[in-house]
Amino acid sequence: MTNHTPEQGAGTRPSTLDTQSEEERLRLLETQVQTLADAVRALAQGLENIPTQDDALAVEAAARGARLAHELLLSQGL
């Protein structure tokens, strides 16, 4: 596996600033992944096909799921 981070010599520690930056980046990434998961869930629920459901209702549910997913992504700047 390729490591894309700069290598540190033996005995060197990242500075507090670097650690804080990494923690902030990780928190941001976790938030973005959670938002993407929520958006995918909204899309999937909107696209669920219930056999007894009217086609017009299915289209409405799909549109609602797509709108919700879009709003979730926009709310997080994605």
N, C-alpha and C. Protein backbone atom coordinates (compact mmCIF):
# COMPACT_ATOMS: atom_id res chain seq x y z
N MET A 1 0.84 -1.17 0.00
CA MET A 1 0.00 0.00 0.00
C MET A 1 0.89 1.23 0.00
N THR A 2 0.53 2.23 -0.75
CA THR A 2 1.33 3.43 -0.86
C THR A 2 0.96 4.40 0.24
N ASN A 3 1.98 4.92 0.91
CA ASN A 3 1.77 5.91 1.94
C ASN A 3 2.00 7.27 1.33
N HIS A 4 0.99 8.12 1.32
CA HIS A 4 1.09 9.42 0.68
C HIS A 4 1.44 10.53 1.66
N THR A 5 1.79 10.17 2.89
CA THR A 5 2.17 11.19 3.86
C THR A 5 3.68 11.31 3.88
N PRO A 6 4.19 12.50 4.17
CA PRO A 6 5.64 12.65 4.22
C PRO A 6 6.22 11.76 5.31
N GLU A 7 7.34 11.15 5.01
CA GLU A 7 7.97 10.27 5.98
C GLU A 7 8.67 11.09 7.05
N GLN A 8 8.63 10.59 8.28
CA GLN A 8 9.31 11.25 9.38
C GLN A 8 10.48 10.38 9.79
N GLY A 9 11.54 11.04 10.19
CA GLY A 9 12.70 10.31 10.65
C GLY A 9 12.43 9.66 11.99
N ALA A 10 13.30 8.74 12.39
CA ALA A 10 13.13 8.07 13.67
C ALA A 10 13.17 9.09 14.79
N GLY A 11 12.25 8.98 15.71
CA GLY A 11 12.24 9.86 16.87
C GLY A 11 11.57 11.21 16.64
N THR A 12 11.07 11.47 15.46
CA THR A 12 10.40 12.76 15.24
C THR A 12 8.92 12.61 15.52
N ARG A 13 8.35 13.64 16.10
CA ARG A 13 6.92 13.65 16.39
C ARG A 13 6.26 14.75 15.61
N PRO A 14 5.03 14.52 15.17
CA PRO A 14 4.32 15.61 14.50
C PRO A 14 4.05 16.72 15.51
N SER A 15 4.06 17.94 15.06
CA SER A 15 3.78 19.06 15.96
C SER A 15 2.32 19.04 16.35
N THR A 16 2.00 19.76 17.40
CA THR A 16 0.62 19.85 17.85
C THR A 16 -0.26 20.41 16.74
N LEU A 17 0.27 21.38 15.99
CA LEU A 17 -0.49 21.98 14.90
C LEU A 17 -0.82 20.93 13.85
N ASP A 18 0.17 20.09 13.50
CA ASP A 18 -0.08 19.04 12.52
C ASP A 18 -1.12 18.05 13.02
N THR A 19 -1.03 17.67 14.29
CA THR A 19 -1.97 16.73 14.87
C THR A 19 -3.37 17.32 14.89
N GLN A 20 -3.48 18.58 15.28
CA GLN A 20 -4.78 19.23 15.31
C GLN A 20 -5.36 19.29 13.90
N SER A 21 -4.54 19.62 12.95
CA SER A 21 -5.01 19.69 11.57
C SER A 21 -5.49 18.32 11.10
N GLU A 22 -4.76 17.28 11.45
CA GLU A 22 -5.17 15.93 11.06
C GLU A 22 -6.48 15.55 11.73
N GLU A 23 -6.64 15.93 13.01
CA GLU A 23 -7.88 15.62 13.72
C GLU A 23 -9.06 16.36 13.10
N GLU A 24 -8.85 17.61 12.74
CA GLU A 24 -9.91 18.38 12.10
C GLU A 24 -10.27 17.79 10.74
N ARG A 25 -9.25 17.39 9.99
CA ARG A 25 -9.49 16.79 8.68
C ARG A 25 -10.25 15.48 8.82
N LEU A 26 -9.89 14.69 9.82
CA LEU A 26 -10.58 13.42 10.05
C LEU A 26 -12.04 13.67 10.43
N ARG A 27 -12.27 14.64 11.30
CA ARG A 27 -13.64 14.97 11.71
C ARG A 27 -14.47 15.42 10.50
N LEU A 28 -13.87 16.25 9.65
CA LEU A 28 -14.55 16.71 8.44
C LEU A 28 -14.87 15.54 7.53
N LEU A 29 -13.91 14.65 7.35
CA LEU A 29 -14.11 13.48 6.50
C LEU A 29 -15.24 12.60 7.05
N GLU A 30 -15.24 12.39 8.37
CA GLU A 30 -16.29 11.57 8.98
C GLU A 30 -17.67 12.20 8.77
N THR A 31 -17.75 13.52 8.90
CA THR A 31 -19.01 14.22 8.67
C THR A 31 -19.46 14.08 7.23
N GLN A 32 -18.52 14.21 6.30
CA GLN A 32 -18.86 14.09 4.89
C GLN A 32 -19.31 12.68 4.54
N VAL A 33 -18.65 11.68 5.09
CA VAL A 33 -19.04 10.28 4.83
C VAL A 33 -20.43 10.01 5.39
N GLN A 34 -20.71 10.53 6.59
CA GLN A 34 -22.04 10.35 7.19
C GLN A 34 -23.11 11.02 6.34
N THR A 35 -22.81 12.21 5.83
CA THR A 35 -23.77 12.92 4.97
C THR A 35 -24.01 12.13 3.69
N LEU A 36 -22.95 11.61 3.10
CA LEU A 36 -23.11 10.80 1.88
C LEU A 36 -23.94 9.55 2.16
N ALA A 37 -23.70 8.92 3.30
CA ALA A 37 -24.49 7.73 3.67
C ALA A 37 -25.96 8.10 3.83
N ASP A 38 -26.23 9.23 4.46
CA ASP A 38 -27.62 9.68 4.62
C ASP A 38 -28.26 9.96 3.26
N ALA A 39 -27.51 10.57 2.36
CA ALA A 39 -28.03 10.87 1.03
C ALA A 39 -28.33 9.59 0.26
N VAL A 40 -27.44 8.62 0.34
CA VAL A 40 -27.67 7.33 -0.34
C VAL A 40 -28.89 6.63 0.26
N ARG A 41 -29.02 6.71 1.58
CA ARG A 41 -30.18 6.09 2.24
C ARG A 41 -31.48 6.75 1.76
N ALA A 42 -31.48 8.08 1.66
CA ALA A 42 -32.68 8.79 1.18
C ALA A 42 -33.02 8.38 -0.25
N LEU A 43 -32.00 8.27 -1.09
CA LEU A 43 -32.23 7.83 -2.47
C LEU A 43 -32.79 6.41 -2.51
N ALA A 44 -32.19 5.52 -1.73
CA ALA A 44 -32.62 4.12 -1.73
C ALA A 44 -34.06 4.00 -1.25
N GLN A 45 -34.40 4.73 -0.20
CA GLN A 45 -35.78 4.66 0.30
C GLN A 45 -36.75 5.21 -0.73
N GLY A 46 -36.34 6.26 -1.44
CA GLY A 46 -37.20 6.82 -2.47
C GLY A 46 -37.40 5.90 -3.65
N LEU A 47 -36.42 5.04 -3.89
CA LEU A 47 -36.48 4.14 -5.05
C LEU A 47 -37.00 2.74 -4.71
N GLU A 48 -37.30 2.51 -3.42
CA GLU A 48 -37.85 1.21 -3.05
C GLU A 48 -39.14 0.98 -3.81
N ASN A 49 -39.25 -0.18 -4.39
CA ASN A 49 -40.43 -0.50 -5.19
C ASN A 49 -41.34 -1.40 -4.37
N ILE A 50 -42.47 -0.85 -3.97
CA ILE A 50 -43.47 -1.63 -3.25
C ILE A 50 -44.48 -2.10 -4.28
N PRO A 51 -44.63 -3.42 -4.45
CA PRO A 51 -45.48 -3.95 -5.53
C PRO A 51 -46.91 -3.40 -5.54
N THR A 52 -47.46 -3.13 -4.38
CA THR A 52 -48.85 -2.66 -4.33
C THR A 52 -48.96 -1.15 -4.51
N GLN A 53 -47.84 -0.48 -4.64
CA GLN A 53 -47.85 0.97 -4.73
C GLN A 53 -48.18 1.44 -6.14
N ASP A 54 -48.98 2.45 -6.23
CA ASP A 54 -49.35 3.08 -7.50
C ASP A 54 -48.10 3.68 -8.14
N ASP A 55 -48.01 3.62 -9.48
CA ASP A 55 -46.85 4.16 -10.19
C ASP A 55 -46.66 5.65 -9.90
N ALA A 56 -47.73 6.40 -9.83
CA ALA A 56 -47.62 7.83 -9.55
C ALA A 56 -47.03 8.07 -8.17
N LEU A 57 -47.43 7.25 -7.20
CA LEU A 57 -46.87 7.37 -5.85
C LEU A 57 -45.40 6.99 -5.83
N ALA A 58 -45.03 5.99 -6.62
CA ALA A 58 -43.64 5.56 -6.69
C ALA A 58 -42.77 6.67 -7.27
N VAL A 59 -43.26 7.34 -8.30
CA VAL A 59 -42.52 8.44 -8.91
C VAL A 59 -42.38 9.58 -7.91
N GLU A 60 -43.45 9.86 -7.18
CA GLU A 60 -43.42 10.92 -6.17
C GLU A 60 -42.42 10.59 -5.07
N ALA A 61 -42.40 9.34 -4.63
CA ALA A 61 -41.46 8.91 -3.59
C ALA A 61 -40.02 9.01 -4.08
N ALA A 62 -39.78 8.65 -5.32
CA ALA A 62 -38.43 8.75 -5.88
C ALA A 62 -37.99 10.21 -5.96
N ALA A 63 -38.89 11.08 -6.37
CA ALA A 63 -38.57 12.51 -6.45
C ALA A 63 -38.30 13.07 -5.07
N ARG A 64 -39.09 12.67 -4.09
CA ARG A 64 -38.90 13.13 -2.71
C ARG A 64 -37.54 12.67 -2.18
N GLY A 65 -37.19 11.42 -2.45
CA GLY A 65 -35.89 10.90 -2.02
C GLY A 65 -34.74 11.64 -2.68
N ALA A 66 -34.89 11.94 -3.96
CA ALA A 66 -33.84 12.68 -4.68
C ALA A 66 -33.70 14.09 -4.13
N ARG A 67 -34.83 14.74 -3.84
CA ARG A 67 -34.78 16.10 -3.26
C ARG A 67 -34.10 16.08 -1.90
N LEU A 68 -34.46 15.12 -1.07
CA LEU A 68 -33.87 15.02 0.26
C LEU A 68 -32.37 14.78 0.16
N ALA A 69 -31.96 13.87 -0.71
CA ALA A 69 -30.53 13.60 -0.90
C ALA A 69 -29.81 14.86 -1.35
N HIS A 70 -30.40 15.58 -2.28
CA HIS A 70 -29.80 16.81 -2.79
C HIS A 70 -29.67 17.85 -1.68
N GLU A 71 -30.71 18.00 -0.87
CA GLU A 71 -30.67 18.96 0.23
C GLU A 71 -29.61 18.58 1.26
N LEU A 72 -29.49 17.29 1.55
CA LEU A 72 -28.47 16.84 2.49
C LEU A 72 -27.07 17.18 2.00
N LEU A 73 -26.83 16.92 0.72
CA LEU A 73 -25.51 17.21 0.15
C LEU A 73 -25.24 18.71 0.13
N LEU A 74 -26.23 19.50 -0.24
CA LEU A 74 -26.05 20.95 -0.27
C LEU A 74 -25.80 21.51 1.13
N SER A 75 -26.48 20.96 2.12
CA SER A 75 -26.34 21.47 3.49
C SER A 75 -24.92 21.30 4.01
N GLN A 76 -24.19 20.34 3.47
CA GLN A 76 -22.81 20.11 3.90
C GLN A 76 -21.80 20.63 2.88
N GLY A 77 -22.28 21.33 1.89
CA GLY A 77 -21.38 21.90 0.90
C GLY A 77 -20.77 20.86 -0.03
N LEU A 78 -21.44 19.75 -0.21
CA LEU A 78 -20.93 18.69 -1.09
C LEU A 78 -21.58 18.74 -2.44
